[in-house]
């Protein structure tokens, strides 16, 4: 099979476990491309996994003062290779790339068996323009389902705002009418920067009577 990023032909190694369990162990990423993505190391903020720290970071301290106890996990850092990936996946609309990190996401999301998954939604306008929700694509490629609890009104893209601008705007997300809020939720996004989006939605879900809301993203 070919690497989804560079097109390089990859050798298929058939293992005993894959035969026994009828499981496909093939990766969608060749070793050369895999090497370009940086995993988050052991030294990071214990709350949000910001790298290069061993204690709670300043952002998480600010969230704590605002009544949000950050409980976030991620896999990769937002390096140039990851920026290039999202440029192709999100902005060029290469939907096939949703499968690139499926095995990594599957391994991590399996740790949340007691939680119901909820993804950060796109506004109807953005969804129409892009053609797909990139977070839903990542979760589905990893083999998991999610609850359709949230909606979003159109606004300026959060990637073009700094932290104070994000916090100063009205939350564009809302809980859909008639839905039941689970007690345990894993709220999933693609990229965590300051946490302004995902932590404000986390607080909204907690105010709607969710008892345990953790957050997760592919990238920090």
C-alpha atoms as a PDB file:
ATOM      1  CA  UNK A   1       0.000   0.000   0.000  1.00  0.00           C
ATOM      2  CA  UNK A   2       1.007   3.644  -0.403  1.00  0.00           C
ATOM      3  CA  UNK A   3       1.711   6.261   2.261  1.00  0.00           C
ATOM      4  CA  UNK A   4      -1.185   8.719   2.208  1.00  0.00           C
ATOM      5  CA  UNK A   5       1.143  11.693   2.608  1.00  0.00           C
ATOM      6  CA  UNK A   6       4.017  11.082   0.195  1.00  0.00           C
ATOM      7  CA  UNK A   7       2.744   8.206  -1.964  1.00  0.00           C
ATOM      8  CA  UNK A   8       5.710   5.975  -1.174  1.00  0.00           C
ATOM      9  CA  UNK A   9       5.045   2.250  -1.550  1.00  0.00           C
ATOM     10  CA  UNK A  10       5.155   0.565   1.865  1.00  0.00           C
ATOM     11  CA  UNK A  11       5.913  -3.079   2.474  1.00  0.00           C
ATOM     12  CA  UNK A  12       3.165  -5.034   4.191  1.00  0.00           C
ATOM     13  CA  UNK A  13       4.297  -7.120   7.146  1.00  0.00           C
ATOM     14  CA  UNK A  14       1.813  -9.832   8.059  1.00  0.00           C
ATOM     15  CA  UNK A  15       2.083 -10.624  11.777  1.00  0.00           C
ATOM     16  CA  UNK A  16       0.784 -13.619  13.690  1.00  0.00           C
ATOM     17  CA  UNK A  17      -1.501 -11.400  15.794  1.00  0.00           C
ATOM     18  CA  UNK A  18      -3.053  -9.824  12.716  1.00  0.00           C
ATOM     19  CA  UNK A  19      -3.825 -13.280  11.330  1.00  0.00           C
ATOM     20  CA  UNK A  20      -5.168 -14.554  14.648  1.00  0.00           C
ATOM     21  CA  UNK A  21      -7.357 -11.515  15.279  1.00  0.00           C
ATOM     22  CA  UNK A  22      -8.188 -10.836  11.609  1.00  0.00           C
ATOM     23  CA  UNK A  23      -6.746  -7.385  12.120  1.00  0.00           C
ATOM     24  CA  UNK A  24      -5.010  -5.155   9.596  1.00  0.00           C
ATOM     25  CA  UNK A  25      -1.813  -3.811  11.170  1.00  0.00           C
ATOM     26  CA  UNK A  26      -0.884  -1.698   8.153  1.00  0.00           C
ATOM     27  CA  UNK A  27      -0.224   1.965   8.813  1.00  0.00           C
ATOM     28  CA  UNK A  28      -1.324   4.706   6.446  1.00  0.00           C
ATOM     29  CA  UNK A  29       1.948   6.518   7.143  1.00  0.00           C
ATOM     30  CA  UNK A  30       5.404   5.486   5.961  1.00  0.00           C
ATOM     31  CA  UNK A  31       8.316   5.538   8.399  1.00  0.00           C
ATOM     32  CA  UNK A  32       9.868   8.606   6.736  1.00  0.00           C
ATOM     33  CA  UNK A  33       6.693  10.677   7.113  1.00  0.00           C
ATOM     34  CA  UNK A  34       6.018   9.257  10.576  1.00  0.00           C
ATOM     35  CA  UNK A  35       9.450  10.487  11.685  1.00  0.00           C
ATOM     36  CA  UNK A  36       8.600  14.099  10.746  1.00  0.00           C
ATOM     37  CA  UNK A  37       5.808  14.361  13.331  1.00  0.00           C
ATOM     38  CA  UNK A  38       6.867  15.170  16.879  1.00  0.00           C
ATOM     39  CA  UNK A  39       5.178  13.351  19.758  1.00  0.00           C
ATOM     40  CA  UNK A  40       4.594  15.231  22.987  1.00  0.00           C
ATOM     41  CA  UNK A  41       7.346  14.258  25.400  1.00  0.00           C
ATOM     42  CA  UNK A  42       7.206  13.393  29.073  1.00  0.00           C
ATOM     43  CA  UNK A  43       8.013  16.935  30.215  1.00  0.00           C
ATOM     44  CA  UNK A  44       4.796  18.917  29.874  1.00  0.00           C
ATOM     45  CA  UNK A  45       2.093  20.765  31.775  1.00  0.00           C
ATOM     46  CA  UNK A  46       0.129  18.076  33.677  1.00  0.00           C
ATOM     47  CA  UNK A  47      -3.161  19.780  32.810  1.00  0.00           C
ATOM     48  CA  UNK A  48      -2.882  20.638  29.096  1.00  0.00           C
ATOM     49  CA  UNK A  49       0.350  18.937  27.947  1.00  0.00           C
ATOM     50  CA  UNK A  50       2.087  22.157  26.922  1.00  0.00           C
ATOM     51  CA  UNK A  51       5.655  21.047  26.290  1.00  0.00           C
ATOM     52  CA  UNK A  52       8.781  22.181  28.116  1.00  0.00           C
ATOM     53  CA  UNK A  53       7.113  22.442  31.529  1.00  0.00           C
ATOM     54  CA  UNK A  54       6.799  20.239  34.580  1.00  0.00           C
ATOM     55  CA  UNK A  55       4.190  22.285  36.475  1.00  0.00           C
ATOM     56  CA  UNK A  56       0.818  23.852  35.629  1.00  0.00           C
ATOM     57  CA  UNK A  57       1.289  26.405  32.847  1.00  0.00           C
ATOM     58  CA  UNK A  58       0.146  30.019  32.974  1.00  0.00           C
ATOM     59  CA  UNK A  59      -2.826  29.413  30.679  1.00  0.00           C
ATOM     60  CA  UNK A  60      -4.105  26.588  32.913  1.00  0.00           C
ATOM     61  CA  UNK A  61      -3.669  28.774  35.987  1.00  0.00           C
ATOM     62  CA  UNK A  62      -5.812  31.431  34.305  1.00  0.00           C
ATOM     63  CA  UNK A  63      -8.449  28.862  33.413  1.00  0.00           C
ATOM     64  CA  UNK A  64      -8.485  27.681  37.013  1.00  0.00           C
ATOM     65  CA  UNK A  65      -9.178  31.245  38.173  1.00  0.00           C
ATOM     66  CA  UNK A  66     -12.100  31.322  35.734  1.00  0.00           C
ATOM     67  CA  UNK A  67     -13.551  28.158  37.254  1.00  0.00           C
ATOM     68  CA  UNK A  68     -12.327  25.664  34.642  1.00  0.00           C
ATOM     69  CA  UNK A  69     -10.048  22.845  35.741  1.00  0.00           C
ATOM     70  CA  UNK A  70      -8.222  21.878  32.558  1.00  0.00           C
ATOM     71  CA  UNK A  71      -7.961  18.133  31.923  1.00  0.00           C
ATOM     72  CA  UNK A  72      -6.578  17.801  28.416  1.00  0.00           C
ATOM     73  CA  UNK A  73      -4.615  15.176  26.529  1.00  0.00           C
ATOM     74  CA  UNK A  74      -3.020  15.266  23.054  1.00  0.00           C
ATOM     75  CA  UNK A  75      -0.568  13.215  21.010  1.00  0.00           C
ATOM     76  CA  UNK A  76       1.498  15.497  18.758  1.00  0.00           C
ATOM     77  CA  UNK A  77       3.028  18.972  18.850  1.00  0.00           C
ATOM     78  CA  UNK A  78       2.003  21.594  16.290  1.00  0.00           C
ATOM     79  CA  UNK A  79       5.250  21.575  14.306  1.00  0.00           C
ATOM     80  CA  UNK A  80       5.767  22.398  10.630  1.00  0.00           C
ATOM     81  CA  UNK A  81       4.968  18.862   9.493  1.00  0.00           C
ATOM     82  CA  UNK A  82       1.637  19.027  11.318  1.00  0.00           C
ATOM     83  CA  UNK A  83       0.887  22.472   9.898  1.00  0.00           C
ATOM     84  CA  UNK A  84       1.485  21.075   6.413  1.00  0.00           C
ATOM     85  CA  UNK A  85      -0.801  18.126   7.171  1.00  0.00           C
ATOM     86  CA  UNK A  86      -3.677  20.336   8.282  1.00  0.00           C
ATOM     87  CA  UNK A  87      -3.164  22.636   5.309  1.00  0.00           C
ATOM     88  CA  UNK A  88      -3.800  19.669   3.023  1.00  0.00           C
ATOM     89  CA  UNK A  89      -6.489  18.041   5.144  1.00  0.00           C
ATOM     90  CA  UNK A  90      -8.594  21.004   6.275  1.00  0.00           C
ATOM     91  CA  UNK A  91      -7.946  23.759   3.775  1.00  0.00           C
ATOM     92  CA  UNK A  92      -7.240  21.794   0.580  1.00  0.00           C
ATOM     93  CA  UNK A  93     -10.031  19.360   1.454  1.00  0.00           C
ATOM     94  CA  UNK A  94      -8.068  16.106   1.103  1.00  0.00           C
ATOM     95  CA  UNK A  95     -10.565  14.000   3.067  1.00  0.00           C
ATOM     96  CA  UNK A  96      -8.552  10.806   2.570  1.00  0.00           C
ATOM     97  CA  UNK A  97      -5.955  12.190   4.986  1.00  0.00           C
ATOM     98  CA  UNK A  98      -8.373  11.648   7.873  1.00  0.00           C
ATOM     99  CA  UNK A  99      -6.909   8.128   7.996  1.00  0.00           C
ATOM    100  CA  UNK A 100      -3.272   9.189   8.504  1.00  0.00           C
ATOM    101  CA  UNK A 101      -3.401   9.207  12.308  1.00  0.00           C
ATOM    102  CA  UNK A 102      -6.185   6.662  12.762  1.00  0.00           C
ATOM    103  CA  UNK A 103      -4.018   4.092  14.558  1.00  0.00           C
ATOM    104  CA  UNK A 104      -2.609   6.702  16.950  1.00  0.00           C
ATOM    105  CA  UNK A 105      -6.067   8.061  17.752  1.00  0.00           C
ATOM    106  CA  UNK A 106      -7.546   4.601  18.150  1.00  0.00           C
ATOM    107  CA  UNK A 107      -4.936   3.655  20.744  1.00  0.00           C
ATOM    108  CA  UNK A 108      -5.567   6.825  22.753  1.00  0.00           C
ATOM    109  CA  UNK A 109      -9.350   6.958  22.523  1.00  0.00           C
ATOM    110  CA  UNK A 110      -9.648   3.358  23.719  1.00  0.00           C
ATOM    111  CA  UNK A 111      -8.520   4.665  27.117  1.00  0.00           C
ATOM    112  CA  UNK A 112     -11.854   6.510  27.508  1.00  0.00           C
ATOM    113  CA  UNK A 113     -14.261   3.560  27.477  1.00  0.00           C
ATOM    114  CA  UNK A 114     -16.488   5.076  30.163  1.00  0.00           C
ATOM    115  CA  UNK A 115     -16.903   8.367  28.300  1.00  0.00           C
ATOM    116  CA  UNK A 116     -19.239   9.436  25.519  1.00  0.00           C
ATOM    117  CA  UNK A 117     -17.452  11.267  22.718  1.00  0.00           C
ATOM    118  CA  UNK A 118     -18.530  14.740  21.588  1.00  0.00           C
ATOM    119  CA  UNK A 119     -16.726  16.642  18.812  1.00  0.00           C
ATOM    120  CA  UNK A 120     -16.347  20.387  18.370  1.00  0.00           C
ATOM    121  CA  UNK A 121     -18.747  21.278  15.512  1.00  0.00           C
ATOM    122  CA  UNK A 122     -18.413  23.597  12.536  1.00  0.00           C
ATOM    123  CA  UNK A 123     -20.944  26.269  11.693  1.00  0.00           C
ATOM    124  CA  UNK A 124     -23.328  25.355   8.824  1.00  0.00           C
ATOM    125  CA  UNK A 125     -21.580  27.909   6.600  1.00  0.00           C
ATOM    126  CA  UNK A 126     -18.097  26.546   7.304  1.00  0.00           C
ATOM    127  CA  UNK A 127     -19.295  22.955   6.894  1.00  0.00           C
ATOM    128  CA  UNK A 128     -20.809  23.799   3.518  1.00  0.00           C
ATOM    129  CA  UNK A 129     -17.607  25.512   2.412  1.00  0.00           C
ATOM    130  CA  UNK A 130     -15.241  22.748   3.600  1.00  0.00           C
ATOM    131  CA  UNK A 131     -17.517  19.814   2.825  1.00  0.00           C
ATOM    132  CA  UNK A 132     -16.729  17.908   6.027  1.00  0.00           C
ATOM    133  CA  UNK A 133     -15.997  18.358   9.715  1.00  0.00           C
ATOM    134  CA  UNK A 134     -12.309  17.523  10.074  1.00  0.00           C
ATOM    135  CA  UNK A 135     -12.701  16.371  13.706  1.00  0.00           C
ATOM    136  CA  UNK A 136     -15.542  14.009  12.854  1.00  0.00           C
ATOM    137  CA  UNK A 137     -13.382  12.597  10.064  1.00  0.00           C
ATOM    138  CA  UNK A 138     -10.496  11.874  12.443  1.00  0.00           C
ATOM    139  CA  UNK A 139     -12.739  10.199  15.021  1.00  0.00           C
ATOM    140  CA  UNK A 140     -14.614   8.084  12.478  1.00  0.00           C
ATOM    141  CA  UNK A 141     -11.368   6.979  10.796  1.00  0.00           C
ATOM    142  CA  UNK A 142     -10.156   5.798  14.204  1.00  0.00           C
ATOM    143  CA  UNK A 143     -13.261   3.599  14.457  1.00  0.00           C
ATOM    144  CA  UNK A 144     -15.367   5.523  16.980  1.00  0.00           C
ATOM    145  CA  UNK A 145     -18.785   7.158  17.020  1.00  0.00           C
ATOM    146  CA  UNK A 146     -19.796  10.400  18.719  1.00  0.00           C
ATOM    147  CA  UNK A 147     -22.894  12.155  20.002  1.00  0.00           C
ATOM    148  CA  UNK A 148     -24.475  15.001  18.034  1.00  0.00           C
ATOM    149  CA  UNK A 149     -24.934  17.386  20.966  1.00  0.00           C
ATOM    150  CA  UNK A 150     -23.482  20.698  19.832  1.00  0.00           C
ATOM    151  CA  UNK A 151     -24.106  23.347  17.199  1.00  0.00           C
ATOM    152  CA  UNK A 152     -22.186  26.454  16.197  1.00  0.00           C
ATOM    153  CA  UNK A 153     -23.163  29.841  14.862  1.00  0.00           C
ATOM    154  CA  UNK A 154     -21.028  31.498  12.182  1.00  0.00           C
ATOM    155  CA  UNK A 155     -18.221  33.801  13.346  1.00  0.00           C
ATOM    156  CA  UNK A 156     -14.701  34.847  12.383  1.00  0.00           C
ATOM    157  CA  UNK A 157     -12.313  31.878  12.361  1.00  0.00           C
ATOM    158  CA  UNK A 158     -10.775  31.357  15.815  1.00  0.00           C
ATOM    159  CA  UNK A 159      -7.359  30.747  14.246  1.00  0.00           C
ATOM    160  CA  UNK A 160      -7.225  34.455  13.346  1.00  0.00           C
ATOM    161  CA  UNK A 161      -7.822  35.607  16.957  1.00  0.00           C
ATOM    162  CA  UNK A 162      -5.500  35.875  19.919  1.00  0.00           C
ATOM    163  CA  UNK A 163      -6.397  34.542  23.369  1.00  0.00           C
ATOM    164  CA  UNK A 164      -7.980  37.759  24.680  1.00  0.00           C
ATOM    165  CA  UNK A 165     -10.060  38.143  21.507  1.00  0.00           C
ATOM    166  CA  UNK A 166     -11.288  34.567  21.769  1.00  0.00           C
ATOM    167  CA  UNK A 167     -12.277  34.980  25.397  1.00  0.00           C
ATOM    168  CA  UNK A 168     -13.876  38.377  24.734  1.00  0.00           C
ATOM    169  CA  UNK A 169     -16.295  37.141  22.105  1.00  0.00           C
ATOM    170  CA  UNK A 170     -19.641  35.521  22.808  1.00  0.00           C
ATOM    171  CA  UNK A 171     -19.433  31.750  22.762  1.00  0.00           C
ATOM    172  CA  UNK A 172     -20.750  30.701  19.314  1.00  0.00           C
ATOM    173  CA  UNK A 173     -21.414  27.112  20.415  1.00  0.00           C
ATOM    174  CA  UNK A 174     -24.688  25.880  21.846  1.00  0.00           C
ATOM    175  CA  UNK A 175     -26.265  22.651  23.051  1.00  0.00           C
ATOM    176  CA  UNK A 176     -28.932  21.405  20.684  1.00  0.00           C
ATOM    177  CA  UNK A 177     -32.485  21.261  21.977  1.00  0.00           C
ATOM    178  CA  UNK A 178     -33.915  17.963  23.127  1.00  0.00           C
ATOM    179  CA  UNK A 179     -30.595  16.192  23.684  1.00  0.00           C
ATOM    180  CA  UNK A 180     -29.590  14.297  26.818  1.00  0.00           C
ATOM    181  CA  UNK A 181     -26.287  15.313  28.383  1.00  0.00           C
ATOM    182  CA  UNK A 182     -24.156  12.305  29.424  1.00  0.00           C
ATOM    183  CA  UNK A 183     -22.499  12.357  32.831  1.00  0.00           C
ATOM    184  CA  UNK A 184     -19.064  11.567  31.396  1.00  0.00           C
ATOM    185  CA  UNK A 185     -17.926  13.310  28.206  1.00  0.00           C
ATOM    186  CA  UNK A 186     -14.709  13.364  26.212  1.00  0.00           C
ATOM    187  CA  UNK A 187     -14.779  16.581  24.188  1.00  0.00           C
ATOM    188  CA  UNK A 188     -12.622  16.248  21.061  1.00  0.00           C
ATOM    189  CA  UNK A 189     -11.024  18.864  18.789  1.00  0.00           C
ATOM    190  CA  UNK A 190      -8.220  18.732  16.235  1.00  0.00           C
ATOM    191  CA  UNK A 191      -5.832  21.379  17.621  1.00  0.00           C
ATOM    192  CA  UNK A 192      -5.439  22.846  21.121  1.00  0.00           C
ATOM    193  CA  UNK A 193      -3.724  26.252  21.263  1.00  0.00           C
ATOM    194  CA  UNK A 194      -4.798  28.427  24.195  1.00  0.00           C
ATOM    195  CA  UNK A 195      -7.774  26.208  24.997  1.00  0.00           C
ATOM    196  CA  UNK A 196     -10.185  29.106  24.547  1.00  0.00           C
ATOM    197  CA  UNK A 197     -12.596  27.086  22.411  1.00  0.00           C
ATOM    198  CA  UNK A 198     -12.577  23.666  24.004  1.00  0.00           C
ATOM    199  CA  UNK A 199     -12.439  24.840  27.631  1.00  0.00           C
ATOM    200  CA  UNK A 200     -15.331  27.259  27.195  1.00  0.00           C
ATOM    201  CA  UNK A 201     -17.396  24.458  25.648  1.00  0.00           C
ATOM    202  CA  UNK A 202     -16.289  22.183  28.501  1.00  0.00           C
ATOM    203  CA  UNK A 203     -17.645  24.729  30.992  1.00  0.00           C
ATOM    204  CA  UNK A 204     -20.908  24.994  29.030  1.00  0.00           C
ATOM    205  CA  UNK A 205     -21.376  21.225  29.233  1.00  0.00           C
ATOM    206  CA  UNK A 206     -20.583  21.209  32.952  1.00  0.00           C
ATOM    207  CA  UNK A 207     -23.156  23.944  33.506  1.00  0.00           C
ATOM    208  CA  UNK A 208     -25.633  21.702  31.631  1.00  0.00           C
ATOM    209  CA  UNK A 209     -25.068  19.023  34.316  1.00  0.00           C
ATOM    210  CA  UNK A 210     -22.261  16.921  32.841  1.00  0.00           C
ATOM    211  CA  UNK A 211     -20.331  15.636  35.869  1.00  0.00           C
ATOM    212  CA  UNK A 212     -16.990  14.745  34.294  1.00  0.00           C
ATOM    213  CA  UNK A 213     -15.796  16.467  31.106  1.00  0.00           C
ATOM    214  CA  UNK A 214     -12.306  15.776  29.809  1.00  0.00           C
ATOM    215  CA  UNK A 215     -10.854  17.173  26.611  1.00  0.00           C
ATOM    216  CA  UNK A 216      -8.688  15.693  23.877  1.00  0.00           C
ATOM    217  CA  UNK A 217      -7.042  16.794  20.626  1.00  0.00           C
ATOM    218  CA  UNK A 218      -4.743  15.240  18.068  1.00  0.00           C
ATOM    219  CA  UNK A 219      -2.353  18.177  18.385  1.00  0.00           C
ATOM    220  CA  UNK A 220      -1.212  20.502  21.180  1.00  0.00           C
END
